[in-house]
């Protein structure tokens, strides 16, 4: 079996939303708390229409997705999506930092056919 690692952020000239983390006093990473989309984030969103699960309001602090429990996704109720790449998800609910507030079902309507 061959494992291939893809540097998605390195494929674009503009930093993605996850390249802008800060660090608190304990050394733990914090997401940006600003509610205004930054220029690099807006440019990144124009290049790639996928979204990070951490930008979705359905992701809990513990990394679990609440969409399966609500019947929006076919997955375990304990589903914790991988955080190594952005994706298109029918249950995506944009967070306050997303410049495009369109939910996943409207943003990617063809995903309904794959459920």
PDB file of N, CA and C in Angstrom:
ATOM      1  N   UNK A   1       0.838  -1.173   0.000  1.00  0.00           N
ATOM      2  CA  UNK A   1       0.000   0.000   0.000  1.00  0.00           C
ATOM      3  C   UNK A   1       0.886   1.241   0.000  1.00  0.00           C
ATOM      4  N   UNK A   2       0.555   2.182  -0.851  1.00  0.00           N
ATOM      5  CA  UNK A   2       1.308   3.416  -0.969  1.00  0.00           C
ATOM      6  C   UNK A   2       0.482   4.551  -0.379  1.00  0.00           C
ATOM      7  N   UNK A   3       1.092   5.354   0.472  1.00  0.00           N
ATOM      8  CA  UNK A   3       0.419   6.510   1.048  1.00  0.00           C
ATOM      9  C   UNK A   3       0.987   7.759   0.407  1.00  0.00           C
ATOM     10  N   UNK A   4       0.100   8.617  -0.057  1.00  0.00           N
ATOM     11  CA  UNK A   4       0.511   9.846  -0.707  1.00  0.00           C
ATOM     12  C   UNK A   4      -0.005  11.022   0.122  1.00  0.00           C
ATOM     13  N   UNK A   5       0.859  11.934   0.466  1.00  0.00           N
ATOM     14  CA  UNK A   5       0.458  13.139   1.191  1.00  0.00           C
ATOM     15  C   UNK A   5       0.415  14.295   0.197  1.00  0.00           C
ATOM     16  N   UNK A   6      -0.701  15.005   0.176  1.00  0.00           N
ATOM     17  CA  UNK A   6      -0.862  16.140  -0.722  1.00  0.00           C
ATOM     18  C   UNK A   6      -0.864  17.419   0.105  1.00  0.00           C
ATOM     19  N   UNK A   7      -0.020  18.344  -0.248  1.00  0.00           N
ATOM     20  CA  UNK A   7       0.029  19.634   0.426  1.00  0.00           C
ATOM     21  C   UNK A   7      -0.946  20.568  -0.282  1.00  0.00           C
ATOM     22  N   UNK A   8      -2.223  20.502   0.134  1.00  0.00           N
ATOM     23  CA  UNK A   8      -3.264  21.304  -0.514  1.00  0.00           C
ATOM     24  C   UNK A   8      -2.999  22.790  -0.370  1.00  0.00           C
ATOM     25  N   UNK A   9      -2.573  23.218   0.811  1.00  0.00           N
ATOM     26  CA  UNK A   9      -2.318  24.641   1.029  1.00  0.00           C
ATOM     27  C   UNK A   9      -1.175  25.128   0.146  1.00  0.00           C
ATOM     28  N   UNK A  10      -0.200  24.259  -0.119  1.00  0.00           N
ATOM     29  CA  UNK A  10       0.930  24.641  -0.943  1.00  0.00           C
ATOM     30  C   UNK A  10       0.590  24.762  -2.421  1.00  0.00           C
ATOM     31  N   UNK A  11      -0.580  24.290  -2.812  1.00  0.00           N
ATOM     32  CA  UNK A  11      -0.980  24.354  -4.215  1.00  0.00           C
ATOM     33  C   UNK A  11      -1.493  25.741  -4.609  1.00  0.00           C
ATOM     34  N   UNK A  12      -1.758  26.576  -3.612  1.00  0.00           N
ATOM     35  CA  UNK A  12      -2.302  27.893  -3.878  1.00  0.00           C
ATOM     36  C   UNK A  12      -1.341  28.953  -3.374  1.00  0.00           C
ATOM     37  N   UNK A  13      -1.350  30.118  -4.016  1.00  0.00           N
ATOM     38  CA  UNK A  13      -0.510  31.228  -3.581  1.00  0.00           C
ATOM     39  C   UNK A  13      -1.080  31.915  -2.340  1.00  0.00           C
ATOM     40  N   UNK A  14      -2.381  31.723  -2.110  1.00  0.00           N
ATOM     41  CA  UNK A  14      -3.065  32.389  -1.016  1.00  0.00           C
ATOM     42  C   UNK A  14      -3.173  31.420   0.155  1.00  0.00           C
ATOM     43  N   UNK A  15      -2.858  31.858   1.383  1.00  0.00           N
ATOM     44  CA  UNK A  15      -2.978  30.954   2.526  1.00  0.00           C
ATOM     45  C   UNK A  15      -4.427  30.586   2.779  1.00  0.00           C
ATOM     46  N   UNK A  16      -4.662  29.341   3.153  1.00  0.00           N
ATOM     47  CA  UNK A  16      -6.003  28.886   3.489  1.00  0.00           C
ATOM     48  C   UNK A  16      -6.388  29.324   4.877  1.00  0.00           C
ATOM     49  N   UNK A  17      -7.639  29.094   5.268  1.00  0.00           N
ATOM     50  CA  UNK A  17      -8.112  29.535   6.569  1.00  0.00           C
ATOM     51  C   UNK A  17      -7.391  28.860   7.727  1.00  0.00           C
ATOM     52  N   UNK A  18      -6.810  27.685   7.503  1.00  0.00           N
ATOM     53  CA  UNK A  18      -6.155  26.980   8.587  1.00  0.00           C
ATOM     54  C   UNK A  18      -4.676  27.300   8.685  1.00  0.00           C
ATOM     55  N   UNK A  19      -4.199  28.173   7.858  1.00  0.00           N
ATOM     56  CA  UNK A  19      -2.811  28.619   7.957  1.00  0.00           C
ATOM     57  C   UNK A  19      -2.700  29.870   8.816  1.00  0.00           C
ATOM     58  N   UNK A  20      -3.817  30.331   9.378  1.00  0.00           N
ATOM     59  CA  UNK A  20      -3.840  31.580  10.118  1.00  0.00           C
ATOM     60  C   UNK A  20      -4.142  31.365  11.588  1.00  0.00           C
ATOM     61  N   UNK A  21      -3.732  30.255  12.156  1.00  0.00           N
ATOM     62  CA  UNK A  21      -3.998  29.972  13.570  1.00  0.00           C
ATOM     63  C   UNK A  21      -3.044  30.758  14.454  1.00  0.00           C
ATOM     64  N   UNK A  22      -3.485  31.001  15.673  1.00  0.00           N
ATOM     65  CA  UNK A  22      -2.645  31.652  16.663  1.00  0.00           C
ATOM     66  C   UNK A  22      -2.372  30.655  17.775  1.00  0.00           C
ATOM     67  N   UNK A  23      -1.479  31.002  18.672  1.00  0.00           N
ATOM     68  CA  UNK A  23      -1.147  30.111  19.779  1.00  0.00           C
ATOM     69  C   UNK A  23      -1.397  30.823  21.092  1.00  0.00           C
ATOM     70  N   UNK A  24      -2.032  30.126  22.056  1.00  0.00           N
ATOM     71  CA  UNK A  24      -2.265  30.736  23.361  1.00  0.00           C
ATOM     72  C   UNK A  24      -1.070  30.486  24.275  1.00  0.00           C
ATOM     73  N   UNK A  25      -1.164  30.947  25.529  1.00  0.00           N
ATOM     74  CA  UNK A  25      -0.044  30.844  26.461  1.00  0.00           C
ATOM     75  C   UNK A  25       0.362  29.405  26.735  1.00  0.00           C
ATOM     76  N   UNK A  26      -0.591  28.461  26.662  1.00  0.00           N
ATOM     77  CA  UNK A  26      -0.283  27.058  26.914  1.00  0.00           C
ATOM     78  C   UNK A  26       0.269  26.339  25.705  1.00  0.00           C
ATOM     79  N   UNK A  27       0.417  27.041  24.589  1.00  0.00           N
ATOM     80  CA  UNK A  27       0.963  26.430  23.394  1.00  0.00           C
ATOM     81  C   UNK A  27      -0.074  25.756  22.514  1.00  0.00           C
ATOM     82  N   UNK A  28      -1.352  25.858  22.875  1.00  0.00           N
ATOM     83  CA  UNK A  28      -2.418  25.251  22.086  1.00  0.00           C
ATOM     84  C   UNK A  28      -2.842  26.219  20.990  1.00  0.00           C
ATOM     85  N   UNK A  29      -3.161  25.683  19.823  1.00  0.00           N
ATOM     86  CA  UNK A  29      -3.577  26.531  18.710  1.00  0.00           C
ATOM     87  C   UNK A  29      -5.007  27.007  18.923  1.00  0.00           C
ATOM     88  N   UNK A  30      -5.243  28.248  18.561  1.00  0.00           N
ATOM     89  CA  UNK A  30      -6.577  28.839  18.619  1.00  0.00           C
ATOM     90  C   UNK A  30      -6.959  29.276  17.220  1.00  0.00           C
ATOM     91  N   UNK A  31      -8.208  29.079  16.863  1.00  0.00           N
ATOM     92  CA  UNK A  31      -8.689  29.602  15.597  1.00  0.00           C
ATOM     93  C   UNK A  31      -8.866  31.105  15.734  1.00  0.00           C
ATOM     94  N   UNK A  32      -8.846  31.806  14.644  1.00  0.00           N
ATOM     95  CA  UNK A  32      -9.067  33.237  14.676  1.00  0.00           C
ATOM     96  C   UNK A  32     -10.457  33.527  15.211  1.00  0.00           C
ATOM     97  N   UNK A  33     -10.592  34.541  16.053  1.00  0.00           N
ATOM     98  CA  UNK A  33     -11.885  34.865  16.645  1.00  0.00           C
ATOM     99  C   UNK A  33     -12.582  35.995  15.917  1.00  0.00           C
ATOM    100  N   UNK A  34     -11.977  36.546  14.900  1.00  0.00           N
ATOM    101  CA  UNK A  34     -12.592  37.621  14.148  1.00  0.00           C
ATOM    102  C   UNK A  34     -13.794  37.099  13.380  1.00  0.00           C
ATOM    103  N   UNK A  35     -14.849  37.915  13.314  1.00  0.00           N
ATOM    104  CA  UNK A  35     -16.024  37.513  12.549  1.00  0.00           C
ATOM    105  C   UNK A  35     -16.006  38.082  11.143  1.00  0.00           C
ATOM    106  N   UNK A  36     -15.036  38.916  10.828  1.00  0.00           N
ATOM    107  CA  UNK A  36     -14.911  39.471   9.493  1.00  0.00           C
ATOM    108  C   UNK A  36     -13.985  38.602   8.654  1.00  0.00           C
ATOM    109  N   UNK A  37     -14.418  38.201   7.454  1.00  0.00           N
ATOM    110  CA  UNK A  37     -13.526  37.414   6.597  1.00  0.00           C
ATOM    111  C   UNK A  37     -12.319  38.243   6.173  1.00  0.00           C
ATOM    112  N   UNK A  38     -11.156  37.633   6.201  1.00  0.00           N
ATOM    113  CA  UNK A  38      -9.941  38.316   5.789  1.00  0.00           C
ATOM    114  C   UNK A  38      -9.800  38.254   4.277  1.00  0.00           C
ATOM    115  N   UNK A  39      -9.000  39.149   3.726  1.00  0.00           N
ATOM    116  CA  UNK A  39      -8.775  39.157   2.280  1.00  0.00           C
ATOM    117  C   UNK A  39      -8.191  37.835   1.792  1.00  0.00           C
ATOM    118  N   UNK A  40      -7.185  37.243   2.495  1.00  0.00           N
ATOM    119  CA  UNK A  40      -6.665  35.952   2.034  1.00  0.00           C
ATOM    120  C   UNK A  40      -7.734  34.854   2.059  1.00  0.00           C
ATOM    121  N   UNK A  41      -8.605  34.874   3.084  1.00  0.00           N
ATOM    122  CA  UNK A  41      -9.667  33.864   3.158  1.00  0.00           C
ATOM    123  C   UNK A  41     -10.633  34.019   1.999  1.00  0.00           C
ATOM    124  N   UNK A  42     -11.005  35.248   1.688  1.00  0.00           N
ATOM    125  CA  UNK A  42     -11.938  35.472   0.581  1.00  0.00           C
ATOM    126  C   UNK A  42     -11.315  35.038  -0.746  1.00  0.00           C
ATOM    127  N   UNK A  43     -10.027  35.318  -0.942  1.00  0.00           N
ATOM    128  CA  UNK A  43      -9.347  34.904  -2.170  1.00  0.00           C
ATOM    129  C   UNK A  43      -9.261  33.381  -2.242  1.00  0.00           C
ATOM    130  N   UNK A  44      -8.986  32.744  -1.114  1.00  0.00           N
ATOM    131  CA  UNK A  44      -8.914  31.280  -1.066  1.00  0.00           C
ATOM    132  C   UNK A  44     -10.270  30.669  -1.435  1.00  0.00           C
ATOM    133  N   UNK A  45     -11.348  31.250  -0.938  1.00  0.00           N
ATOM    134  CA  UNK A  45     -12.689  30.730  -1.201  1.00  0.00           C
ATOM    135  C   UNK A  45     -13.072  30.872  -2.666  1.00  0.00           C
ATOM    136  N   UNK A  46     -12.485  31.849  -3.362  1.00  0.00           N
ATOM    137  CA  UNK A  46     -12.754  31.993  -4.786  1.00  0.00           C
ATOM    138  C   UNK A  46     -12.021  30.930  -5.595  1.00  0.00           C
ATOM    139  N   UNK A  47     -10.886  30.465  -5.100  1.00  0.00           N
ATOM    140  CA  UNK A  47     -10.100  29.453  -5.800  1.00  0.00           C
ATOM    141  C   UNK A  47     -10.702  28.070  -5.612  1.00  0.00           C
ATOM    142  N   UNK A  48     -11.119  27.753  -4.403  1.00  0.00           N
ATOM    143  CA  UNK A  48     -11.566  26.412  -4.044  1.00  0.00           C
ATOM    144  C   UNK A  48     -12.910  26.507  -3.341  1.00  0.00           C
ATOM    145  N   UNK A  49     -13.931  25.820  -3.833  1.00  0.00           N
ATOM    146  CA  UNK A  49     -15.255  25.926  -3.218  1.00  0.00           C
ATOM    147  C   UNK A  49     -15.451  24.961  -2.046  1.00  0.00           C
ATOM    148  N   UNK A  50     -14.460  24.097  -1.785  1.00  0.00           N
ATOM    149  CA  UNK A  50     -14.577  23.195  -0.639  1.00  0.00           C
ATOM    150  C   UNK A  50     -14.404  23.981   0.656  1.00  0.00           C
ATOM    151  N   UNK A  51     -14.896  23.412   1.750  1.00  0.00           N
ATOM    152  CA  UNK A  51     -14.803  24.066   3.049  1.00  0.00           C
ATOM    153  C   UNK A  51     -14.221  23.106   4.076  1.00  0.00           C
ATOM    154  N   UNK A  52     -13.541  23.660   5.081  1.00  0.00           N
ATOM    155  CA  UNK A  52     -12.991  22.872   6.175  1.00  0.00           C
ATOM    156  C   UNK A  52     -14.096  22.570   7.164  1.00  0.00           C
ATOM    157  N   UNK A  53     -14.097  21.390   7.730  1.00  0.00           N
ATOM    158  CA  UNK A  53     -15.098  21.025   8.738  1.00  0.00           C
ATOM    159  C   UNK A  53     -15.025  21.961   9.943  1.00  0.00           C
ATOM    160  N   UNK A  54     -13.842  22.463  10.256  1.00  0.00           N
ATOM    161  CA  UNK A  54     -13.704  23.361  11.398  1.00  0.00           C
ATOM    162  C   UNK A  54     -14.383  24.704  11.151  1.00  0.00           C
ATOM    163  N   UNK A  55     -14.756  24.997   9.913  1.00  0.00           N
ATOM    164  CA  UNK A  55     -15.489  26.223   9.606  1.00  0.00           C
ATOM    165  C   UNK A  55     -16.999  26.014   9.677  1.00  0.00           C
ATOM    166  N   UNK A  56     -17.425  24.797   9.938  1.00  0.00           N
ATOM    167  CA  UNK A  56     -18.843  24.447   9.977  1.00  0.00           C
ATOM    168  C   UNK A  56     -19.377  24.544  11.409  1.00  0.00           C
ATOM    169  N   UNK A  57     -20.573  25.075  11.535  1.00  0.00           N
ATOM    170  CA  UNK A  57     -21.190  25.197  12.856  1.00  0.00           C
ATOM    171  C   UNK A  57     -21.625  23.846  13.424  1.00  0.00           C
ATOM    172  N   UNK A  58     -21.665  22.820  12.605  1.00  0.00           N
ATOM    173  CA  UNK A  58     -22.090  21.500  13.074  1.00  0.00           C
ATOM    174  C   UNK A  58     -20.954  20.701  13.733  1.00  0.00           C
ATOM    175  N   UNK A  59     -19.741  21.202  13.688  1.00  0.00           N
ATOM    176  CA  UNK A  59     -18.608  20.507  14.308  1.00  0.00           C
ATOM    177  C   UNK A  59     -18.472  20.961  15.763  1.00  0.00           C
ATOM    178  N   UNK A  60     -18.430  19.999  16.678  1.00  0.00           N
ATOM    179  CA  UNK A  60     -18.318  20.330  18.097  1.00  0.00           C
ATOM    180  C   UNK A  60     -16.874  20.667  18.452  1.00  0.00           C
ATOM    181  N   UNK A  61     -16.673  21.143  19.671  1.00  0.00           N
ATOM    182  CA  UNK A  61     -15.325  21.458  20.142  1.00  0.00           C
ATOM    183  C   UNK A  61     -14.448  20.222  20.197  1.00  0.00           C
ATOM    184  N   UNK A  62     -15.060  19.047  20.314  1.00  0.00           N
ATOM    185  CA  UNK A  62     -14.308  17.798  20.415  1.00  0.00           C
ATOM    186  C   UNK A  62     -14.078  17.146  19.051  1.00  0.00           C
ATOM    187  N   UNK A  63     -14.441  17.845  17.962  1.00  0.00           N
ATOM    188  CA  UNK A  63     -14.185  17.351  16.620  1.00  0.00           C
ATOM    189  C   UNK A  63     -15.234  16.396  16.084  1.00  0.00           C
ATOM    190  N   UNK A  64     -16.366  16.298  16.748  1.00  0.00           N
ATOM    191  CA  UNK A  64     -17.450  15.428  16.286  1.00  0.00           C
ATOM    192  C   UNK A  64     -18.448  16.235  15.447  1.00  0.00           C
ATOM    193  N   UNK A  65     -18.988  15.597  14.430  1.00  0.00           N
ATOM    194  CA  UNK A  65     -19.980  16.220  13.561  1.00  0.00           C
ATOM    195  C   UNK A  65     -21.372  15.887  14.100  1.00  0.00           C
ATOM    196  N   UNK A  66     -22.232  16.897  14.237  1.00  0.00           N
ATOM    197  CA  UNK A  66     -23.583  16.669  14.747  1.00  0.00           C
ATOM    198  C   UNK A  66     -24.584  16.343  13.637  1.00  0.00           C
ATOM    199  N   UNK A  67     -24.168  16.413  12.380  1.00  0.00           N
ATOM    200  CA  UNK A  67     -25.070  16.161  11.260  1.00  0.00           C
ATOM    201  C   UNK A  67     -25.631  14.733  11.236  1.00  0.00           C
ATOM    202  N   UNK A  68     -24.846  13.678  11.518  1.00  0.00           N
ATOM    203  CA  UNK A  68     -25.424  12.328  11.511  1.00  0.00           C
ATOM    204  C   UNK A  68     -26.534  12.150  12.556  1.00  0.00           C
ATOM    205  N   UNK A  69     -26.352  12.721  13.731  1.00  0.00           N
ATOM    206  CA  UNK A  69     -27.373  12.603  14.783  1.00  0.00           C
ATOM    207  C   UNK A  69     -28.654  13.324  14.379  1.00  0.00           C
ATOM    208  N   UNK A  70     -28.528  14.358  13.563  1.00  0.00           N
ATOM    209  CA  UNK A  70     -29.694  15.105  13.090  1.00  0.00           C
ATOM    210  C   UNK A  70     -30.309  14.471  11.839  1.00  0.00           C
ATOM    211  N   UNK A  71     -29.716  13.379  11.343  1.00  0.00           N
ATOM    212  CA  UNK A  71     -30.231  12.703  10.156  1.00  0.00           C
ATOM    213  C   UNK A  71     -29.845  13.369   8.852  1.00  0.00           C
ATOM    214  N   UNK A  72     -28.839  14.231   8.875  1.00  0.00           N
ATOM    215  CA  UNK A  72     -28.422  14.946   7.670  1.00  0.00           C
ATOM    216  C   UNK A  72     -27.333  14.228   6.890  1.00  0.00           C
ATOM    217  N   UNK A  73     -26.626  13.313   7.540  1.00  0.00           N
ATOM    218  CA  UNK A  73     -25.568  12.521   6.911  1.00  0.00           C
ATOM    219  C   UNK A  73     -25.737  11.066   7.305  1.00  0.00           C
ATOM    220  N   UNK A  74     -25.341  10.177   6.424  1.00  0.00           N
ATOM    221  CA  UNK A  74     -25.322   8.757   6.744  1.00  0.00           C
ATOM    222  C   UNK A  74     -23.932   8.451   7.287  1.00  0.00           C
ATOM    223  N   UNK A  75     -23.833   8.400   8.597  1.00  0.00           N
ATOM    224  CA  UNK A  75     -22.559   8.139   9.280  1.00  0.00           C
ATOM    225  C   UNK A  75     -22.866   7.808  10.735  1.00  0.00           C
ATOM    226  N   UNK A  76     -21.868   7.336  11.443  1.00  0.00           N
ATOM    227  CA  UNK A  76     -22.010   7.063  12.868  1.00  0.00           C
ATOM    228  C   UNK A  76     -22.321   8.354  13.609  1.00  0.00           C
ATOM    229  N   UNK A  77     -23.085   8.254  14.677  1.00  0.00           N
ATOM    230  CA  UNK A  77     -23.377   9.428  15.500  1.00  0.00           C
ATOM    231  C   UNK A  77     -22.114   9.978  16.148  1.00  0.00           C
ATOM    232  N   UNK A  78     -21.069   9.180  16.196  1.00  0.00           N
ATOM    233  CA  UNK A  78     -19.786   9.597  16.766  1.00  0.00           C
ATOM    234  C   UNK A  78     -18.801  10.042  15.678  1.00  0.00           C
ATOM    235  N   UNK A  79     -19.312  10.317  14.482  1.00  0.00           N
ATOM    236  CA  UNK A  79     -18.473  10.671  13.337  1.00  0.00           C
ATOM    237  C   UNK A  79     -17.587  11.877  13.641  1.00  0.00           C
ATOM    238  N   UNK A  80     -16.302  11.700  13.466  1.00  0.00           N
ATOM    239  CA  UNK A  80     -15.316  12.769  13.621  1.00  0.00           C
ATOM    240  C   UNK A  80     -14.558  12.863  12.296  1.00  0.00           C
ATOM    241  N   UNK A  81     -14.925  13.821  11.441  1.00  0.00           N
ATOM    242  CA  UNK A  81     -14.282  13.905  10.130  1.00  0.00           C
ATOM    243  C   UNK A  81     -12.791  14.237  10.228  1.00  0.00           C
ATOM    244  N   UNK A  82     -12.048  13.719   9.295  1.00  0.00           N
ATOM    245  CA  UNK A  82     -10.617  14.001   9.210  1.00  0.00           C
ATOM    246  C   UNK A  82     -10.424  15.491   8.930  1.00  0.00           C
ATOM    247  N   UNK A  83      -9.450  16.076   9.572  1.00  0.00           N
ATOM    248  CA  UNK A  83      -9.214  17.509   9.431  1.00  0.00           C
ATOM    249  C   UNK A  83      -7.999  17.820   8.562  1.00  0.00           C
ATOM    250  N   UNK A  84      -7.648  16.908   7.659  1.00  0.00           N
ATOM    251  CA  UNK A  84      -6.449  17.131   6.856  1.00  0.00           C
ATOM    252  C   UNK A  84      -6.732  17.757   5.496  1.00  0.00           C
ATOM    253  N   UNK A  85      -8.014  17.888   5.138  1.00  0.00           N
ATOM    254  CA  UNK A  85      -8.327  18.503   3.854  1.00  0.00           C
ATOM    255  C   UNK A  85      -9.741  19.070   3.858  1.00  0.00           C
ATOM    256  N   UNK A  86      -9.980  20.091   3.047  1.00  0.00           N
ATOM    257  CA  UNK A  86     -11.339  20.616   2.934  1.00  0.00           C
ATOM    258  C   UNK A  86     -12.207  19.649   2.136  1.00  0.00           C
ATOM    259  N   UNK A  87     -13.516  19.819   2.237  1.00  0.00           N
ATOM    260  CA  UNK A  87     -14.433  18.921   1.528  1.00  0.00           C
ATOM    261  C   UNK A  87     -15.725  19.622   1.180  1.00  0.00           C
ATOM    262  N   UNK A  88     -16.541  18.953   0.396  1.00  0.00           N
ATOM    263  CA  UNK A  88     -17.899  19.406   0.102  1.00  0.00           C
ATOM    264  C   UNK A  88     -18.838  18.507   0.904  1.00  0.00           C
ATOM    265  N   UNK A  89     -19.726  19.102   1.678  1.00  0.00           N
ATOM    266  CA  UNK A  89     -20.616  18.340   2.545  1.00  0.00           C
ATOM    267  C   UNK A  89     -22.023  18.914   2.457  1.00  0.00           C
ATOM    268  N   UNK A  90     -22.991  18.057   2.256  1.00  0.00           N
ATOM    269  CA  UNK A  90     -24.377  18.504   2.145  1.00  0.00           C
ATOM    270  C   UNK A  90     -24.887  19.113   3.444  1.00  0.00           C
ATOM    271  N   UNK A  91     -24.302  18.743   4.573  1.00  0.00           N
ATOM    272  CA  UNK A  91     -24.745  19.248   5.874  1.00  0.00           C
ATOM    273  C   UNK A  91     -23.963  20.477   6.325  1.00  0.00           C
ATOM    274  N   UNK A  92     -23.069  20.999   5.491  1.00  0.00           N
ATOM    275  CA  UNK A  92     -22.244  22.150   5.873  1.00  0.00           C
ATOM    276  C   UNK A  92     -23.122  23.337   6.255  1.00  0.00           C
ATOM    277  N   UNK A  93     -22.847  23.902   7.417  1.00  0.00           N
ATOM    278  CA  UNK A  93     -23.536  25.095   7.904  1.00  0.00           C
ATOM    279  C   UNK A  93     -22.461  26.149   8.161  1.00  0.00           C
ATOM    280  N   UNK A  94     -22.374  27.172   7.308  1.00  0.00           N
ATOM    281  CA  UNK A  94     -21.266  28.129   7.390  1.00  0.00           C
ATOM    282  C   UNK A  94     -21.152  28.809   8.748  1.00  0.00           C
ATOM    283  N   UNK A  95     -19.913  28.961   9.177  1.00  0.00           N
ATOM    284  CA  UNK A  95     -19.632  29.708  10.388  1.00  0.00           C
ATOM    285  C   UNK A  95     -19.613  31.198  10.085  1.00  0.00           C
ATOM    286  N   UNK A  96     -19.447  32.031  11.099  1.00  0.00           N
ATOM    287  CA  UNK A  96     -19.487  33.479  10.889  1.00  0.00           C
ATOM    288  C   UNK A  96     -18.334  34.031  10.054  1.00  0.00           C
ATOM    289  N   UNK A  97     -17.228  33.294   9.938  1.00  0.00           N
ATOM    290  CA  UNK A  97     -16.077  33.788   9.169  1.00  0.00           C
ATOM    291  C   UNK A  97     -16.149  33.459   7.684  1.00  0.00           C
ATOM    292  N   UNK A  98     -17.114  32.643   7.273  1.00  0.00           N
ATOM    293  CA  UNK A  98     -17.208  32.259   5.867  1.00  0.00           C
ATOM    294  C   UNK A  98     -17.829  33.406   5.072  1.00  0.00           C
ATOM    295  N   UNK A  99     -17.121  33.920   4.053  1.00  0.00           N
ATOM    296  CA  UNK A  99     -17.671  35.028   3.271  1.00  0.00           C
ATOM    297  C   UNK A  99     -18.918  34.636   2.485  1.00  0.00           C
ATOM    298  N   UNK A 100     -19.099  33.359   2.201  1.00  0.00           N
ATOM    299  CA  UNK A 100     -20.287  32.869   1.491  1.00  0.00           C
ATOM    300  C   UNK A 100     -21.132  32.079   2.493  1.00  0.00           C
ATOM    301  N   UNK A 101     -22.259  32.607   2.887  1.00  0.00           N
ATOM    302  CA  UNK A 101     -23.093  31.989   3.909  1.00  0.00           C
ATOM    303  C   UNK A 101     -24.102  30.976   3.341  1.00  0.00           C
ATOM    304  N   UNK A 102     -23.836  30.462   2.149  1.00  0.00           N
ATOM    305  CA  UNK A 102     -24.714  29.468   1.541  1.00  0.00           C
ATOM    306  C   UNK A 102     -24.495  28.108   2.204  1.00  0.00           C
ATOM    307  N   UNK A 103     -25.570  27.456   2.705  1.00  0.00           N
ATOM    308  CA  UNK A 103     -25.406  26.120   3.311  1.00  0.00           C
ATOM    309  C   UNK A 103     -25.027  25.073   2.259  1.00  0.00           C
ATOM    310  N   UNK A 104     -24.506  23.958   2.731  1.00  0.00           N
ATOM    311  CA  UNK A 104     -24.018  22.912   1.839  1.00  0.00           C
ATOM    312  C   UNK A 104     -25.051  22.371   0.861  1.00  0.00           C
ATOM    313  N   UNK A 105     -26.300  22.185   1.294  1.00  0.00           N
ATOM    314  CA  UNK A 105     -27.336  21.629   0.411  1.00  0.00           C
ATOM    315  C   UNK A 105     -27.612  22.544  -0.777  1.00  0.00           C
ATOM    316  N   UNK A 106     -27.489  23.854  -0.590  1.00  0.00           N
ATOM    317  CA  UNK A 106     -27.689  24.811  -1.684  1.00  0.00           C
ATOM    318  C   UNK A 106     -26.411  25.039  -2.471  1.00  0.00           C
ATOM    319  N   UNK A 107     -25.284  24.968  -1.800  1.00  0.00           N
ATOM    320  CA  UNK A 107     -23.983  25.213  -2.422  1.00  0.00           C
ATOM    321  C   UNK A 107     -23.590  24.084  -3.371  1.00  0.00           C
ATOM    322  N   UNK A 108     -23.839  22.842  -2.940  1.00  0.00           N
ATOM    323  CA  UNK A 108     -23.488  21.662  -3.733  1.00  0.00           C
ATOM    324  C   UNK A 108     -24.720  20.768  -3.866  1.00  0.00           C
ATOM    325  N   UNK A 109     -25.742  21.172  -4.640  1.00  0.00           N
ATOM    326  CA  UNK A 109     -26.996  20.413  -4.701  1.00  0.00           C
ATOM    327  C   UNK A 109     -26.847  18.990  -5.252  1.00  0.00           C
ATOM    328  N   UNK A 110     -25.830  18.750  -6.076  1.00  0.00           N
ATOM    329  CA  UNK A 110     -25.635  17.417  -6.651  1.00  0.00           C
ATOM    330  C   UNK A 110     -25.248  16.381  -5.606  1.00  0.00           C
ATOM    331  N   UNK A 111     -24.823  16.806  -4.428  1.00  0.00           N
ATOM    332  CA  UNK A 111     -24.457  15.846  -3.375  1.00  0.00           C
ATOM    333  C   UNK A 111     -25.678  15.071  -2.876  1.00  0.00           C
ATOM    334  N   UNK A 112     -26.861  15.646  -3.010  1.00  0.00           N
ATOM    335  CA  UNK A 112     -28.096  14.951  -2.568  1.00  0.00           C
ATOM    336  C   UNK A 112     -28.261  13.615  -3.302  1.00  0.00           C
ATOM    337  N   UNK A 113     -27.795  13.564  -4.532  1.00  0.00           N
ATOM    338  CA  UNK A 113     -27.925  12.345  -5.329  1.00  0.00           C
ATOM    339  C   UNK A 113     -27.022  11.229  -4.840  1.00  0.00           C
ATOM    340  N   UNK A 114     -26.033  11.552  -4.005  1.00  0.00           N
ATOM    341  CA  UNK A 114     -25.052  10.568  -3.548  1.00  0.00           C
ATOM    342  C   UNK A 114     -25.319  10.059  -2.146  1.00  0.00           C
ATOM    343  N   UNK A 115     -26.415  10.469  -1.537  1.00  0.00           N
ATOM    344  CA  UNK A 115     -26.708  10.026  -0.163  1.00  0.00           C
ATOM    345  C   UNK A 115     -27.382   8.664  -0.193  1.00  0.00           C
TER     346      UNK A 115
END
